[in-house]
Amino acid sequence: MASRRRDQVPAVALLLTASLLGLAACSAPPEQEPAIEIVAQDGVLDPLEITLTGLGAGREVRLFATTELGETVMSSRATFVADEDGRVDLATTALTEGSWTTADAMGPFWSMTGGRLSGDAGILTNDHAVRIEVSADGEALAETVVERTGYGADVEVRDVSDEGMVAAYATPEGLSADVSLPAVLVFSGSEGGLDNARATAVWLADLGYPALAISYFRSPGQPTELAEIPVETFLSGLTWLRGQAGVDTERVFTFGVSRGGEMALWLAANRPDEVYGVFAPTGSGTVYCGYPDATRPAWTVEGEGLPCAPYVRYGVSPEKQVAVEEIAAPVVLACGTADPQWPACELLAEMRPRFGDPGQVRAIVQEDAGHYLTYAPYLPLGLDEPGAIPTATHQARVDFWRTVEEVLAEARQQ
């Protein structure tokens, strides 16, 4: 049921060679002509294979990639030195300079810059063409166009307003009522609204799993701030999701980002019959007060505020902590040490020893990564955080999503 990417690329791209430029007399034999060889992979999280060939031993070459996302023109670049066979394998050849810093076949795609993209689901799932050009000494050698299929190409999404929810349900195309798949309840952090949660649900459905994205504040009819949010909002989402055809009611996960991460963990600790596992990137094991008004509780149960800690304190009393020791299910945590928003790695380190079954906890701790770890890999989004290194944030995304895919696959097999 897992969905597959369908990027359109030629096996060997040789669109601009010396002969095409009218320099046939100076061109190398056909088998030696410069070329861009690209092999597409099947999985959503699989990188392309990109190799530059016929360059000449030890020759310095420049790669330039451009695309348009929405109305934003973006580009990336890199300089390489070809090996003794005149080849550059982007997955293994070190850059001498570029918009990314380590060998990475997907560097031309995720390291693009040129404008700030909005985080709405439309931009994040758009198909887009990426032109890749290779040159040396001012001479164009080869170029090709890769048609990148947007995340969610094989996903169906519908808005949900049942029980007063502001939500969107993303499912793999053709989801059958005869199957029983793990499913995920998704919600965002302190930015509120539905957009980011919706995009995450689409990416989860792209992996082959149904996901319900819900908004809990800052949508019409909801609180305007992260304060006094009824836990019942999330419980309604869980009930609705568990009632859908094709959903394994014994394998429902919560997925909350940042402030949403503490609620994802709280639900697993306090509603173990409804929540099987947790994805809580940049989350915490402490129940914090409202934001930006820390004089109010962030969450309520039957109208009563949950005990909460002011922003940001350590060593808080047990009643203000999430009882993560009660979670006997798969948990995925993630943080970057250069997170400029809040001390995500310190919060991860505080809660990790409190889990009752440490073997169930998988943690991605990435040096120099920032806060935005949950965008799908290979997208040039949210990588300009002050103090964070884009390559590190990108690597954290790859590691996080591969872990998510692994945990969901394991749950499906049980």
Foldseek 3Di string as FASTA:
>chain_A
DAAWWDKDDDQKFFPDACVVVVNVVPGDPPVLAWIWGWDDDTHPLDAIKIKIGSQAAQAKKKKKKWKAQPNFIKIWMFIFTAHNRRMDTQQQGATPDILDGGRDRLCGQQSIDGDADDQFLPRQFDWMKMKMWMDGPPGTRGITIMTGGGQLPQKDKDADCPPNWGKIKIAGHPQDLVAAAEEEEEEEAFVFDFGNRVNLQSNVRNRGHIYMTTTQECDPPHHPWLFAGELVNVVVVLVVQCPDRRYHQQRYAYEYEQCGLCVSLLCCLPVVSRHAEYEYELYAQFQAAIPPDRVGRSYDYPRHGQDHDYPPDPPDDPSRGRQQLSRPHAYEYEDEPQAPPHRSVVRCVRCQVNHVDNVRYHYHYFYQAYRPQARAASHNHDQPDPRGHSNRSNVSNSVRVVVVSVRSVVSSVD
